[in-house]
């Protein structure tokens, strides 16, 4: 059996180490434990966790294991692959009162959270005023990193960043596992 080695170039942004914050696996595990503690102390008991692909799936799995809660994925990628998938069944669950924790690695501009809110509202009972009370009540958002100037807020986060003070690119271990800085 012959294994062919193929040289794969990392994405161009990977070379900008000067303004990049690298997180390692130990930090991620600690951050997820911190999120779990925040969730438990708020007495929010999710019926399930929805991890946003790609970056939110890993912390969602860790939280799912820690909280003993089922986990599903939401295929939403507004930056890398411009790929989104509507999850109407989740919007109906939200509308009918299921507790859902949506997890992502980072809340940068708020575009992903905004997309979910608009998609779910238009998927189920679009003109119902109940949607104004669902967010933050039965549907909550958790991220590892939250940009304080984002257009959308999260309910739980471990690290906060103010890009108006320092403009950093955040690099998680699952994004650059093949590169040693």
Protein backbone atom coordinates (compact mmCIF):
# COMPACT_ATOMS: atom_id res chain seq x y z
CA UNK A 1 0.00 0.00 0.00
CA UNK A 2 1.42 3.33 -1.03
CA UNK A 3 0.42 6.53 0.74
CA UNK A 4 0.83 9.58 -1.40
CA UNK A 5 1.80 12.73 0.47
CA UNK A 6 0.12 15.82 -0.84
CA UNK A 7 1.33 19.28 0.10
CA UNK A 8 -1.62 21.33 1.28
CA UNK A 9 -1.16 25.04 1.66
CA UNK A 10 -2.84 26.52 4.70
CA UNK A 11 -5.27 29.39 4.15
CA UNK A 12 -3.52 32.74 3.55
CA UNK A 13 -4.65 34.22 6.89
CA UNK A 14 -2.63 31.62 8.76
CA UNK A 15 0.62 33.47 8.04
CA UNK A 16 -0.49 36.60 9.91
CA UNK A 17 0.84 35.50 13.30
CA UNK A 18 1.48 39.05 14.52
CA UNK A 19 -2.17 39.82 15.36
CA UNK A 20 -3.34 36.29 16.00
CA UNK A 21 -4.41 34.83 19.34
CA UNK A 22 -3.91 31.06 19.43
CA UNK A 23 -5.95 28.95 21.84
CA UNK A 24 -4.87 25.42 22.73
CA UNK A 25 -6.97 22.39 23.63
CA UNK A 26 -6.50 22.85 27.38
CA UNK A 27 -7.80 26.42 27.13
CA UNK A 28 -10.79 25.26 25.07
CA UNK A 29 -11.67 22.56 27.59
CA UNK A 30 -11.42 25.14 30.40
CA UNK A 31 -13.55 27.60 28.44
CA UNK A 32 -16.25 24.97 27.87
CA UNK A 33 -16.21 24.08 31.55
CA UNK A 34 -16.64 27.79 32.33
CA UNK A 35 -19.61 27.97 29.92
CA UNK A 36 -21.16 24.90 31.55
CA UNK A 37 -20.84 26.53 34.98
CA UNK A 38 -22.46 29.74 33.67
CA UNK A 39 -25.32 27.75 32.17
CA UNK A 40 -25.85 25.70 35.33
CA UNK A 41 -25.79 28.75 37.60
CA UNK A 42 -28.39 30.48 35.41
CA UNK A 43 -30.70 27.47 35.92
CA UNK A 44 -31.14 27.14 32.16
CA UNK A 45 -31.67 23.48 31.26
CA UNK A 46 -31.43 22.99 27.51
CA UNK A 47 -33.51 20.22 25.96
CA UNK A 48 -30.76 20.05 23.36
CA UNK A 49 -27.70 21.89 22.14
CA UNK A 50 -27.28 23.10 18.56
CA UNK A 51 -23.66 23.51 17.47
CA UNK A 52 -23.01 25.81 14.53
CA UNK A 53 -20.78 24.20 11.93
CA UNK A 54 -17.88 24.27 11.76
CA UNK A 55 -16.39 26.05 14.75
CA UNK A 56 -19.31 25.69 17.14
CA UNK A 57 -19.62 21.92 16.80
CA UNK A 58 -16.59 21.08 18.94
CA UNK A 59 -17.53 23.23 21.95
CA UNK A 60 -21.14 22.04 21.52
CA UNK A 61 -20.01 18.41 21.77
CA UNK A 62 -18.00 19.18 24.92
CA UNK A 63 -20.97 20.98 26.49
CA UNK A 64 -23.30 18.18 25.43
CA UNK A 65 -21.10 15.63 27.19
CA UNK A 66 -20.70 17.76 30.32
CA UNK A 67 -24.40 18.69 30.61
CA UNK A 68 -25.69 15.27 29.52
CA UNK A 69 -27.77 16.90 26.80
CA UNK A 70 -28.36 15.76 23.19
CA UNK A 71 -26.58 17.74 20.49
CA UNK A 72 -27.43 18.54 16.89
CA UNK A 73 -25.64 20.65 14.33
CA UNK A 74 -26.74 23.75 12.46
CA UNK A 75 -25.08 24.11 9.07
CA UNK A 76 -24.46 27.84 8.91
CA UNK A 77 -21.33 29.24 7.33
CA UNK A 78 -21.55 32.87 6.34
CA UNK A 79 -17.77 33.43 6.15
CA UNK A 80 -15.86 30.44 4.76
CA UNK A 81 -18.19 28.50 2.49
CA UNK A 82 -21.27 30.70 2.23
CA UNK A 83 -23.37 27.68 3.07
CA UNK A 84 -26.51 27.77 5.18
CA UNK A 85 -29.23 25.29 5.90
CA UNK A 86 -32.57 26.16 7.41
CA UNK A 87 -33.65 24.08 10.37
CA UNK A 88 -37.41 24.61 10.50
CA UNK A 89 -37.92 21.82 13.03
CA UNK A 90 -35.67 23.69 15.49
CA UNK A 91 -37.61 26.91 14.95
CA UNK A 92 -40.84 25.06 15.75
CA UNK A 93 -39.23 23.59 18.88
CA UNK A 94 -38.20 27.10 19.91
CA UNK A 95 -41.67 28.49 19.22
CA UNK A 96 -43.34 25.78 21.28
CA UNK A 97 -41.08 26.34 24.27
CA UNK A 98 -38.22 23.84 24.05
CA UNK A 99 -35.04 25.12 25.65
CA UNK A 100 -32.30 25.29 23.02
CA UNK A 101 -28.70 26.30 23.54
CA UNK A 102 -27.02 27.44 20.32
CA UNK A 103 -23.22 27.23 20.48
CA UNK A 104 -20.56 28.81 18.27
CA UNK A 105 -16.85 29.39 18.67
CA UNK A 106 -17.03 33.15 18.19
CA UNK A 107 -19.60 35.91 17.95
CA UNK A 108 -17.77 38.35 15.71
CA UNK A 109 -20.10 40.68 13.84
CA UNK A 110 -23.34 39.04 14.99
CA UNK A 111 -24.27 38.03 11.44
CA UNK A 112 -24.69 34.32 12.27
CA UNK A 113 -26.97 34.98 15.24
CA UNK A 114 -28.97 37.47 13.20
CA UNK A 115 -29.31 34.94 10.37
CA UNK A 116 -30.65 32.29 12.79
CA UNK A 117 -33.16 34.70 14.32
CA UNK A 118 -34.47 35.79 10.92
CA UNK A 119 -34.49 32.26 9.49
CA UNK A 120 -36.32 30.73 12.44
CA UNK A 121 -38.89 33.52 12.56
CA UNK A 122 -39.66 33.22 8.84
CA UNK A 123 -39.73 29.40 9.06
CA UNK A 124 -42.40 29.18 11.75
CA UNK A 125 -45.24 31.59 12.43
CA UNK A 126 -43.49 34.64 10.94
CA UNK A 127 -45.98 37.25 12.10
CA UNK A 128 -46.33 36.04 15.66
CA UNK A 129 -45.19 38.46 18.38
CA UNK A 130 -44.00 35.56 20.53
CA UNK A 131 -40.66 35.65 18.66
CA UNK A 132 -39.70 38.81 20.55
CA UNK A 133 -39.69 36.85 23.83
CA UNK A 134 -38.05 33.60 22.69
CA UNK A 135 -34.47 34.90 22.39
CA UNK A 136 -32.75 34.90 25.76
CA UNK A 137 -35.65 32.98 27.28
CA UNK A 138 -36.05 29.52 25.75
CA UNK A 139 -33.33 29.99 23.12
CA UNK A 140 -29.93 31.11 24.32
CA UNK A 141 -26.55 31.61 22.67
CA UNK A 142 -23.13 30.61 23.99
CA UNK A 143 -19.74 31.36 22.42
CA UNK A 144 -16.17 30.89 23.47
CA UNK A 145 -15.26 34.42 22.31
CA UNK A 146 -17.65 37.36 22.16
CA UNK A 147 -16.79 40.63 20.46
CA UNK A 148 -18.29 43.34 22.64
CA UNK A 149 -19.15 45.50 19.61
CA UNK A 150 -21.13 42.77 17.87
CA UNK A 151 -24.58 43.71 16.60
CA UNK A 152 -26.04 40.69 18.46
CA UNK A 153 -25.55 39.62 22.05
CA UNK A 154 -24.86 36.21 23.54
CA UNK A 155 -26.07 34.87 26.85
CA UNK A 156 -22.88 33.05 27.80
CA UNK A 157 -19.25 33.57 26.80
CA UNK A 158 -15.85 32.86 28.27
CA UNK A 159 -13.63 35.44 26.60
CA UNK A 160 -14.53 38.94 25.45
CA UNK A 161 -12.68 40.98 22.88
CA UNK A 162 -13.04 44.61 21.88
CA UNK A 163 -11.79 44.94 18.32
CA UNK A 164 -11.85 48.73 18.60
CA UNK A 165 -8.97 48.38 21.08
CA UNK A 166 -7.07 45.43 19.60
CA UNK A 167 -7.76 43.86 16.21
CA UNK A 168 -7.02 40.16 16.69
CA UNK A 169 -7.61 37.11 14.56
CA UNK A 170 -8.67 34.23 16.82
CA UNK A 171 -7.22 30.83 15.94
CA UNK A 172 -8.72 27.75 17.57
CA UNK A 173 -6.81 24.45 17.73
CA UNK A 174 -9.15 22.72 15.27
CA UNK A 175 -8.38 25.37 12.64
CA UNK A 176 -4.63 25.01 12.60
CA UNK A 177 -3.83 21.62 14.09
CA UNK A 178 -1.29 21.00 11.32
CA UNK A 179 0.71 24.16 12.02
CA UNK A 180 2.95 24.85 15.00
CA UNK A 181 3.27 28.62 15.59
